[in-house]
Amino acid sequence: KKTDPTATGTKNYDSRNKKHGGAGKGKWSSLSKDAMDGSDHAAAMLDATHLDENDPLYIPEEDAPSSSFLLSSSSHLAEESRNSGEKPTATAAATPIYGPLLTLSEFKLRVSDIVREYFDSSDVDEVVRCIDELKCREYHPEVVKRAVSLGLDAGPRERELVSRLLACLHPVPLREEEMEAGFEVLLDGVDDLVMDVPDAKAMVGSFLARAVVDEVLPPAFLSNRNNTHPGDVVVEKAVGLLSREHCTARLEKVWGPGDGRPVDELKESMDQLLKEYLLSRELDEAASCVRELKAPHFHHELVKRGVQIAMEEDGRGHGNHANGSANGGSEGGTGADKDSGSSAIDAMAALFQFLVNNTIVSEYQVAKGVSRLRKRMDDIKLDVPAAEELLEEFVGMATEGGFLHVEKEDGGVVAGKEE
């Protein structure tokens, strides 16, 4: 603004009234104030400045007026409206949205990640918490299908974990009808699973039978399925497992003692590694083989078989062993070499001390294995007359080595509680 309209130049120019921004320097415009106050006048002005719908870059769900919006948990509605060129449907803002928070594809991915993490942690409570947090009850049957499918692709240990998981998920958060629906979906798609896992039908039948034993599924589920799908191989497999004598005890170990392998196969693996160790006396190699068994709760069988094999080996020449045990006993805790002339009992004591010191086998399992040997001593003495003396020798070396803490009770070995 100039003080004199006839004056020229910038000398007499007064900038005090010059506007800086919409309403002057440091001030909000009336439109901004009204917009913040939510006035109808500001809303009308904002509506007047909306984008041209004929603009090639105009996107309805992004550039539409604020009075029109979408209510959906997925993007497929927005995609349809974009392809059809229609405006999004205006819905009252107070209308509640019901349904899952995720799409089915997203839910499957989340569940797969949860189950894979469960295979590493074995934490059932964490799985239950994660499924509750997803808040997608409509998709709960997919939990059964995904868990069993991932178990089929993994090893026997993981299948045992899946069976335990299903037992813990029922009846909360998965209700009985959701469990049944999940197994229905699994059975309907078992032909697709056979393409990746040839033994899928037999294993799914074992899952079915185990679920009935764990009271996850009612027995009527199998009969109903057999009526609607007569001749179903999977159902027949499950019925056959449930018809065996002592089926409950057998199905509790349907995946094996620990890692899923049959007990006889596990015992054969133990015998093989113990005999190889007596030939090589390599502690690290033997320890690696014990880890691969993945059966920590079955290590008492390893102790029993190991000491028994050593007694049979030394029992053939116990007279020579008695003369050399005093020299070899002190080396039993460190693992003597084959060339040092140590006995098999010395070597076996060295092995189990090494396993206990490296937290591979617990002292409880060692004591339990020795206790089982004592109970079978009468039978063992038929093959090894000096078995009792050899066992006492092993117990003495184990006690001296600090990996067996026992107290006498009725002539047996009593172990403390496992830490």
Protein backbone atom coordinates (compact mmCIF):
# COMPACT_ATOMS: atom_id res chain seq x y z
CA LYS A 1 0.00 0.00 0.00
CA LYS A 2 1.34 3.42 -0.93
CA THR A 3 0.80 6.45 1.27
CA ASP A 4 0.33 8.67 -1.77
CA PRO A 5 -1.51 7.19 -4.79
CA THR A 6 0.26 9.66 -7.14
CA ALA A 7 3.71 8.91 -5.83
CA THR A 8 6.01 6.65 -7.83
CA GLY A 9 8.89 4.37 -6.88
CA THR A 10 9.47 2.36 -3.72
CA LYS A 11 10.60 5.18 -1.50
CA ASN A 12 7.19 5.86 -0.05
CA TYR A 13 6.10 2.15 -0.03
CA ASP A 14 4.69 1.03 3.32
CA SER A 15 5.00 -2.79 3.82
CA ARG A 16 3.45 -2.89 7.26
CA ASN A 17 0.12 -3.98 5.84
CA LYS A 18 1.61 -6.49 3.42
CA LYS A 19 0.00 -9.94 3.81
CA HIS A 20 2.32 -12.80 4.69
CA GLY A 21 0.38 -15.95 3.82
CA GLY A 22 -3.36 -16.40 3.93
CA ALA A 23 -4.18 -13.94 6.73
CA GLY A 24 -0.95 -12.12 7.38
CA LYS A 25 2.28 -13.08 9.07
CA GLY A 26 1.83 -15.64 11.84
CA LYS A 27 -1.95 -15.77 11.46
CA TRP A 28 -4.39 -18.46 10.34
CA SER A 29 -6.78 -17.74 7.55
CA SER A 30 -10.46 -17.72 8.30
CA LEU A 31 -10.84 -20.83 6.13
CA SER A 32 -8.26 -22.71 8.20
CA LYS A 33 -9.93 -21.61 11.41
CA ASP A 34 -13.32 -22.69 10.16
CA ALA A 35 -11.90 -26.01 8.95
CA MET A 36 -10.46 -26.66 12.37
CA ASP A 37 -13.78 -25.73 13.95
CA GLY A 38 -15.64 -28.03 11.53
CA SER A 39 -17.87 -25.23 10.20
CA ASP A 40 -20.21 -25.88 7.29
CA HIS A 41 -18.83 -22.88 5.42
CA ALA A 42 -15.33 -24.34 5.34
CA ALA A 43 -16.63 -27.75 4.30
CA ALA A 44 -18.49 -26.18 1.40
CA MET A 45 -15.36 -24.36 0.28
CA LEU A 46 -13.28 -27.56 0.53
CA ASP A 47 -15.86 -29.49 -1.49
CA ALA A 48 -15.71 -26.84 -4.17
CA THR A 49 -11.98 -27.53 -4.64
CA HIS A 50 -12.23 -31.30 -5.12
CA LEU A 51 -10.38 -32.92 -7.99
CA ASP A 52 -11.85 -33.43 -11.41
CA GLU A 53 -13.25 -36.95 -11.70
CA ASN A 54 -12.34 -36.99 -15.41
CA ASP A 55 -8.67 -36.49 -14.59
CA PRO A 56 -6.67 -39.59 -15.70
CA LEU A 57 -4.87 -39.59 -12.36
CA TYR A 58 -8.10 -39.45 -10.36
CA ILE A 59 -8.43 -42.47 -8.00
CA PRO A 60 -11.91 -42.78 -6.46
CA GLU A 61 -10.93 -44.37 -3.14
CA GLU A 62 -8.16 -41.81 -2.57
CA ASP A 63 -9.50 -38.62 -4.12
CA ALA A 64 -13.20 -39.00 -3.39
CA PRO A 65 -14.87 -36.39 -1.14
CA SER A 66 -14.73 -37.02 2.58
CA SER A 67 -18.45 -37.83 2.67
CA SER A 68 -17.80 -41.05 0.73
CA PHE A 69 -15.63 -43.82 2.14
CA LEU A 70 -15.21 -47.58 2.10
CA LEU A 71 -15.73 -49.97 4.99
CA SER A 72 -13.95 -53.23 4.28
CA SER A 73 -11.27 -55.40 5.85
CA SER A 74 -9.80 -56.27 2.46
CA SER A 75 -8.81 -54.48 -0.68
CA HIS A 76 -10.88 -56.49 -3.17
CA LEU A 77 -13.86 -54.08 -2.92
CA ALA A 78 -11.64 -51.13 -3.67
CA GLU A 79 -10.14 -52.99 -6.61
CA GLU A 80 -13.61 -53.76 -8.00
CA SER A 81 -14.75 -50.15 -7.69
CA ARG A 82 -11.57 -48.97 -9.39
CA ASN A 83 -12.03 -51.38 -12.31
CA SER A 84 -15.73 -50.57 -12.72
CA GLY A 85 -15.29 -46.83 -12.41
CA GLU A 86 -18.05 -46.58 -9.83
CA LYS A 87 -17.88 -44.33 -6.80
CA PRO A 88 -17.32 -45.97 -3.44
CA THR A 89 -20.52 -46.52 -1.54
CA ALA A 90 -21.20 -43.95 1.16
CA THR A 91 -21.92 -45.55 4.51
CA ALA A 92 -22.63 -44.04 7.86
CA ALA A 93 -19.44 -43.59 9.90
CA ALA A 94 -21.06 -45.12 12.96
CA THR A 95 -21.77 -48.43 11.19
CA PRO A 96 -19.73 -51.19 12.92
CA ILE A 97 -17.62 -53.61 10.90
CA TYR A 98 -18.04 -57.31 11.65
CA GLY A 99 -15.77 -60.11 10.46
CA PRO A 100 -12.11 -61.16 10.52
CA LEU A 101 -9.35 -58.59 10.59
CA LEU A 102 -7.31 -60.49 7.98
CA THR A 103 -7.99 -62.05 4.64
CA LEU A 104 -7.81 -65.82 4.34
CA SER A 105 -4.45 -65.65 2.54
CA GLU A 106 -3.00 -63.39 5.23
CA PHE A 107 -4.33 -65.67 7.95
CA LYS A 108 -2.71 -68.74 6.36
CA LEU A 109 0.65 -66.97 6.21
CA ARG A 110 0.41 -65.89 9.83
CA VAL A 111 -0.54 -69.38 11.02
CA SER A 112 2.30 -70.96 9.04
CA ASP A 113 4.81 -68.63 10.69
CA ILE A 114 3.32 -69.35 14.12
CA VAL A 115 3.53 -73.13 13.64
CA ARG A 116 7.11 -72.99 12.34
CA GLU A 117 8.14 -70.95 15.34
CA TYR A 118 6.37 -73.48 17.56
CA PHE A 119 8.48 -76.25 16.05
CA ASP A 120 11.56 -74.43 17.35
CA SER A 121 10.25 -73.33 20.75
CA SER A 122 7.66 -76.05 21.60
CA ASP A 123 5.75 -73.30 23.45
CA VAL A 124 2.06 -74.15 23.16
CA ASP A 125 0.93 -71.17 25.24
CA GLU A 126 2.54 -68.80 22.75
CA VAL A 127 0.62 -70.42 19.88
CA VAL A 128 -2.67 -70.07 21.74
CA ARG A 129 -1.95 -66.41 22.49
CA CYS A 130 -1.04 -65.65 18.87
CA ILE A 131 -4.17 -67.30 17.48
CA ASP A 132 -6.33 -65.36 19.94
CA GLU A 133 -4.68 -62.10 18.88
CA LEU A 134 -5.47 -62.74 15.20
CA LYS A 135 -9.20 -62.53 16.03
CA CYS A 136 -10.25 -64.52 12.97
CA ARG A 137 -12.55 -67.21 14.34
CA GLU A 138 -14.09 -67.79 10.92
CA TYR A 139 -10.73 -69.14 9.71
CA HIS A 140 -9.94 -71.36 12.72
CA PRO A 141 -10.42 -74.61 10.74
CA GLU A 142 -7.42 -73.56 8.68
CA VAL A 143 -5.25 -73.85 11.80
CA VAL A 144 -5.78 -77.62 11.83
CA LYS A 145 -5.03 -77.99 8.13
CA ARG A 146 -1.91 -75.81 8.20
CA ALA A 147 -0.48 -77.44 11.33
CA VAL A 148 -0.94 -80.99 10.04
CA SER A 149 0.34 -80.09 6.56
CA LEU A 150 3.51 -78.56 7.99
CA GLY A 151 3.92 -81.59 10.23
CA LEU A 152 3.80 -83.91 7.22
CA ASP A 153 6.62 -81.98 5.55
CA ALA A 154 8.73 -82.07 8.74
CA GLY A 155 10.07 -84.93 10.85
CA PRO A 156 8.47 -87.24 13.41
CA ARG A 157 9.33 -84.87 16.26
CA GLU A 158 7.32 -82.10 14.63
CA ARG A 159 4.37 -84.45 14.06
CA GLU A 160 4.32 -85.29 17.74
CA LEU A 161 4.36 -81.55 18.51
CA VAL A 162 1.41 -81.02 16.15
CA SER A 163 -0.60 -83.74 17.90
CA ARG A 164 0.10 -82.14 21.26
CA LEU A 165 -0.76 -78.72 19.87
CA LEU A 166 -4.17 -79.87 18.63
CA ALA A 167 -4.91 -81.33 22.05
CA CYS A 168 -4.02 -78.02 23.71
CA LEU A 169 -6.02 -75.91 21.24
CA HIS A 170 -9.23 -77.79 22.04
CA PRO A 171 -11.71 -76.63 23.23
CA VAL A 172 -10.23 -73.12 23.53
CA PRO A 173 -9.54 -71.37 21.22
CA LEU A 174 -10.68 -74.02 18.70
CA ARG A 175 -14.13 -75.39 19.43
CA GLU A 176 -15.15 -78.93 18.58
CA GLU A 177 -17.03 -77.96 15.42
CA GLU A 178 -14.00 -75.97 14.25
CA MET A 179 -11.75 -78.97 14.82
CA GLU A 180 -14.10 -81.19 12.84
CA ALA A 181 -14.31 -78.63 10.05
CA GLY A 182 -10.52 -78.42 9.97
CA PHE A 183 -10.11 -82.18 9.60
CA GLU A 184 -12.85 -82.20 6.96
CA VAL A 185 -10.89 -79.66 4.92
CA LEU A 186 -7.72 -81.68 5.47
CA LEU A 187 -9.34 -84.93 4.30
CA ASP A 188 -10.85 -83.25 1.24
CA GLY A 189 -7.40 -82.06 0.15
CA VAL A 190 -5.38 -85.14 1.07
CA ASP A 191 -4.92 -86.09 -2.61
CA ASP A 192 -2.97 -82.87 -3.13
CA LEU A 193 -0.77 -83.64 -0.13
CA VAL A 194 0.14 -87.05 -1.58
CA MET A 195 1.88 -85.31 -4.47
CA ASP A 196 4.44 -83.84 -2.04
CA VAL A 197 4.33 -86.52 0.69
CA PRO A 198 3.69 -90.03 -0.69
CA ASP A 199 2.80 -91.39 2.77
CA ALA A 200 0.41 -88.54 3.50
CA LYS A 201 -2.71 -90.71 3.71
CA ALA A 202 -1.19 -93.08 6.27
CA MET A 203 0.14 -90.20 8.37
CA VAL A 204 -3.12 -88.25 8.24
CA GLY A 205 -4.86 -91.44 9.40
CA SER A 206 -2.47 -91.53 12.36
CA PHE A 207 -3.27 -87.89 13.11
CA LEU A 208 -6.99 -88.74 13.02
CA ALA A 209 -6.63 -91.71 15.37
CA ARG A 210 -4.43 -89.73 17.74
CA ALA A 211 -6.98 -86.89 17.77
CA VAL A 212 -9.71 -89.33 18.79
CA VAL A 213 -7.54 -90.76 21.59
CA ASP A 214 -6.72 -87.23 22.80
CA GLU A 215 -10.47 -86.45 22.75
CA VAL A 216 -9.97 -83.70 20.21
CA LEU A 217 -12.42 -85.42 17.85
CA PRO A 218 -15.43 -87.52 18.83
CA PRO A 219 -15.44 -91.14 17.58
CA ALA A 220 -18.65 -90.33 15.71
CA PHE A 221 -16.62 -88.12 13.37
CA LEU A 222 -15.04 -91.18 11.75
CA SER A 223 -18.36 -93.00 11.32
CA ASN A 224 -20.03 -89.89 9.88
CA ARG A 225 -17.15 -89.37 7.49
CA ASN A 226 -17.27 -93.01 6.47
CA ASN A 227 -20.99 -92.67 5.71
CA THR A 228 -20.54 -89.60 3.53
CA HIS A 229 -17.31 -90.81 1.88
CA PRO A 230 -17.42 -94.63 1.85
CA GLY A 231 -14.12 -96.36 1.19
CA ASP A 232 -12.00 -93.43 2.42
CA VAL A 233 -8.50 -94.90 2.87
CA VAL A 234 -7.52 -92.36 5.51
CA VAL A 235 -10.58 -93.06 7.68
CA GLU A 236 -10.05 -96.81 7.33
CA LYS A 237 -6.45 -96.37 8.45
CA ALA A 238 -7.58 -94.44 11.53
CA VAL A 239 -10.26 -97.03 12.36
CA GLY A 240 -7.68 -99.79 12.04
CA LEU A 241 -5.33 -98.05 14.47
CA LEU A 242 -8.14 -97.55 16.96
CA SER A 243 -9.21 -101.19 16.68
CA ARG A 244 -5.87 -102.59 17.83
CA GLU A 245 -5.33 -103.96 21.31
CA HIS A 246 -4.08 -101.34 23.77
CA CYS A 247 -4.70 -98.71 21.11
CA THR A 248 -4.58 -95.82 23.57
CA ALA A 249 -1.08 -96.63 24.79
CA ARG A 250 0.13 -97.32 21.28
CA LEU A 251 -1.30 -94.18 19.74
CA GLU A 252 0.26 -92.04 22.46
CA LYS A 253 3.56 -93.18 20.95
CA VAL A 254 2.38 -93.28 17.36
CA TRP A 255 5.22 -90.94 16.35
CA GLY A 256 7.84 -92.83 18.35
CA PRO A 257 9.43 -92.29 21.77
CA GLY A 258 10.79 -88.82 21.14
CA ASP A 259 11.72 -87.98 17.60
CA GLY A 260 9.01 -90.15 16.12
CA ARG A 261 10.99 -93.19 15.06
CA PRO A 262 9.82 -96.63 16.25
CA VAL A 263 11.30 -97.84 19.52
CA ASP A 264 12.98 -100.84 17.88
CA GLU A 265 14.70 -98.59 15.36
CA LEU A 266 15.85 -96.27 18.12
CA LYS A 267 17.34 -99.17 20.07
CA GLU A 268 19.18 -100.40 16.98
CA SER A 269 20.67 -96.92 16.48
CA MET A 270 21.82 -96.88 20.10
CA ASP A 271 23.47 -100.30 19.80
CA GLN A 272 25.26 -99.25 16.64
CA LEU A 273 26.69 -96.03 18.03
CA LEU A 274 27.77 -97.71 21.30
CA LYS A 275 29.61 -100.51 19.49
CA GLU A 276 31.28 -98.05 17.13
CA TYR A 277 32.40 -96.01 20.12
CA LEU A 278 34.00 -99.06 21.79
CA LEU A 279 35.97 -99.61 18.60
CA SER A 280 37.04 -95.98 18.02
CA ARG A 281 36.86 -94.49 21.56
CA GLU A 282 36.04 -91.09 19.96
CA LEU A 283 34.01 -89.13 22.48
CA ASP A 284 33.06 -86.22 20.21
CA GLU A 285 31.74 -88.48 17.47
CA ALA A 286 29.70 -90.52 19.95
CA ALA A 287 28.28 -87.35 21.53
CA SER A 288 27.24 -86.09 18.10
CA CYS A 289 25.39 -89.35 17.42
CA VAL A 290 23.60 -89.15 20.78
CA ARG A 291 22.40 -85.62 19.96
CA GLU A 292 21.04 -86.80 16.62
CA LEU A 293 18.83 -89.33 18.41
CA LYS A 294 16.71 -86.40 19.69
CA ALA A 295 15.32 -88.54 22.51
CA PRO A 296 16.53 -86.99 25.78
CA HIS A 297 13.83 -88.67 27.86
CA PHE A 298 14.92 -92.07 26.47
CA HIS A 299 18.61 -91.73 27.42
CA HIS A 300 18.14 -94.19 30.27
CA GLU A 301 17.85 -96.87 27.58
CA LEU A 302 21.17 -95.66 26.15
CA VAL A 303 22.81 -96.05 29.58
CA LYS A 304 21.31 -99.49 30.12
CA ARG A 305 22.35 -100.80 26.74
CA GLY A 306 25.77 -99.18 26.90
CA VAL A 307 26.71 -100.70 30.25
CA GLN A 308 25.25 -104.06 29.25
CA ILE A 309 27.30 -104.12 26.01
CA ALA A 310 30.41 -103.20 28.00
CA MET A 311 29.72 -105.96 30.55
CA GLU A 312 29.31 -108.52 27.77
CA GLU A 313 32.58 -107.34 26.23
CA ASP A 314 34.53 -107.53 29.49
CA GLY A 315 32.73 -110.63 30.77
CA ARG A 316 34.60 -112.80 28.30
CA GLY A 317 37.89 -112.18 30.10
CA HIS A 318 36.95 -110.77 33.48
CA GLY A 319 40.07 -112.27 35.11
CA ASN A 320 42.38 -110.12 32.98
CA HIS A 321 40.08 -107.11 33.46
CA ALA A 322 40.30 -107.34 37.27
CA ASN A 323 44.09 -106.97 37.13
CA GLY A 324 43.97 -103.96 34.82
CA SER A 325 40.97 -102.12 36.28
CA ALA A 326 43.05 -100.38 38.95
CA ASN A 327 45.28 -98.81 36.29
CA GLY A 328 42.43 -98.01 33.90
CA GLY A 329 39.88 -96.79 36.46
CA SER A 330 41.55 -93.41 36.97
CA GLU A 331 41.46 -92.79 33.24
CA GLY A 332 37.74 -93.63 32.94
CA GLY A 333 36.67 -90.03 33.52
CA THR A 334 38.79 -88.60 30.70
CA GLY A 335 38.30 -91.12 27.93
CA ALA A 336 41.22 -93.48 27.37
CA ASP A 337 42.39 -94.52 23.97
CA LYS A 338 42.04 -98.00 22.68
CA ASP A 339 45.82 -98.51 22.73
CA SER A 340 46.01 -97.90 26.50
CA GLY A 341 44.44 -101.29 27.21
CA SER A 342 41.46 -99.91 29.16
CA SER A 343 38.40 -102.10 29.55
CA ALA A 344 35.04 -101.56 27.91
CA ILE A 345 33.57 -100.58 31.30
CA ASP A 346 36.25 -97.88 31.65
CA ALA A 347 35.48 -96.57 28.18
CA MET A 348 31.74 -96.56 28.83
CA ALA A 349 32.22 -94.66 32.10
CA ALA A 350 34.33 -92.12 30.20
CA LEU A 351 31.60 -91.73 27.58
CA PHE A 352 28.78 -91.06 30.03
CA GLN A 353 30.90 -88.68 32.09
CA PHE A 354 31.62 -86.74 28.90
CA LEU A 355 27.92 -86.70 27.98
CA VAL A 356 26.86 -85.52 31.46
CA ASN A 357 29.56 -82.83 31.62
CA ASN A 358 28.37 -81.48 28.27
CA THR A 359 24.69 -81.53 29.40
CA ILE A 360 23.74 -84.05 26.72
CA VAL A 361 22.64 -86.74 29.19
CA SER A 362 21.35 -85.93 32.67
CA GLU A 363 22.44 -87.60 35.89
CA TYR A 364 18.84 -88.67 36.40
CA GLN A 365 18.90 -90.65 33.15
CA VAL A 366 22.20 -92.32 34.13
CA ALA A 367 20.79 -93.34 37.52
CA LYS A 368 17.58 -94.59 35.92
CA GLY A 369 19.53 -96.69 33.44
CA VAL A 370 21.61 -98.25 36.23
CA SER A 371 18.45 -98.95 38.22
CA ARG A 372 16.91 -100.76 35.25
CA LEU A 373 20.07 -102.86 34.92
CA ARG A 374 19.82 -103.94 38.55
CA LYS A 375 16.25 -105.12 38.01
CA ARG A 376 17.39 -107.28 35.08
CA MET A 377 20.53 -108.57 36.78
CA ASP A 378 19.27 -112.14 37.17
CA ASP A 379 18.71 -112.45 33.42
CA ILE A 380 21.99 -110.76 32.53
CA LYS A 381 23.98 -113.06 34.84
CA LEU A 382 22.88 -116.02 32.74
CA ASP A 383 25.00 -114.68 29.87
CA VAL A 384 27.58 -112.75 31.92
CA PRO A 385 28.25 -114.45 35.28
CA ALA A 386 30.39 -111.55 36.46
CA ALA A 387 27.74 -108.96 35.53
CA GLU A 388 27.04 -107.88 39.10
CA GLU A 389 30.71 -107.22 39.84
CA LEU A 390 31.14 -105.31 36.57
CA LEU A 391 28.07 -103.18 37.29
CA GLU A 392 29.38 -102.29 40.75
CA GLU A 393 32.67 -101.34 39.13
CA PHE A 394 30.87 -99.00 36.73
CA VAL A 395 28.82 -97.47 39.57
CA GLY A 396 32.02 -96.88 41.55
CA MET A 397 33.71 -95.11 38.64
CA ALA A 398 30.53 -93.10 37.92
CA THR A 399 30.24 -91.99 41.54
CA GLU A 400 33.92 -91.09 41.67
CA GLY A 401 33.57 -89.19 38.39
CA GLY A 402 30.73 -87.13 39.85
CA PHE A 403 28.06 -87.93 37.25
CA LEU A 404 26.07 -90.38 39.36
CA HIS A 405 24.75 -89.47 42.81
CA VAL A 406 22.94 -92.39 44.35
CA GLU A 407 21.81 -93.69 47.67
CA LYS A 408 21.23 -97.28 48.54
CA GLU A 409 17.63 -98.31 49.04
CA ASP A 410 16.75 -102.01 49.15
CA GLY A 411 19.80 -102.73 47.06
CA GLY A 412 18.72 -100.42 44.25
CA VAL A 413 19.78 -97.08 42.88
CA VAL A 414 17.66 -94.06 43.66
CA ALA A 415 18.29 -90.90 41.65
CA GLY A 416 17.54 -87.40 42.74
CA LYS A 417 15.13 -85.20 40.80
CA GLU A 418 16.27 -84.06 37.41
CA GLU A 419 17.27 -80.42 37.35
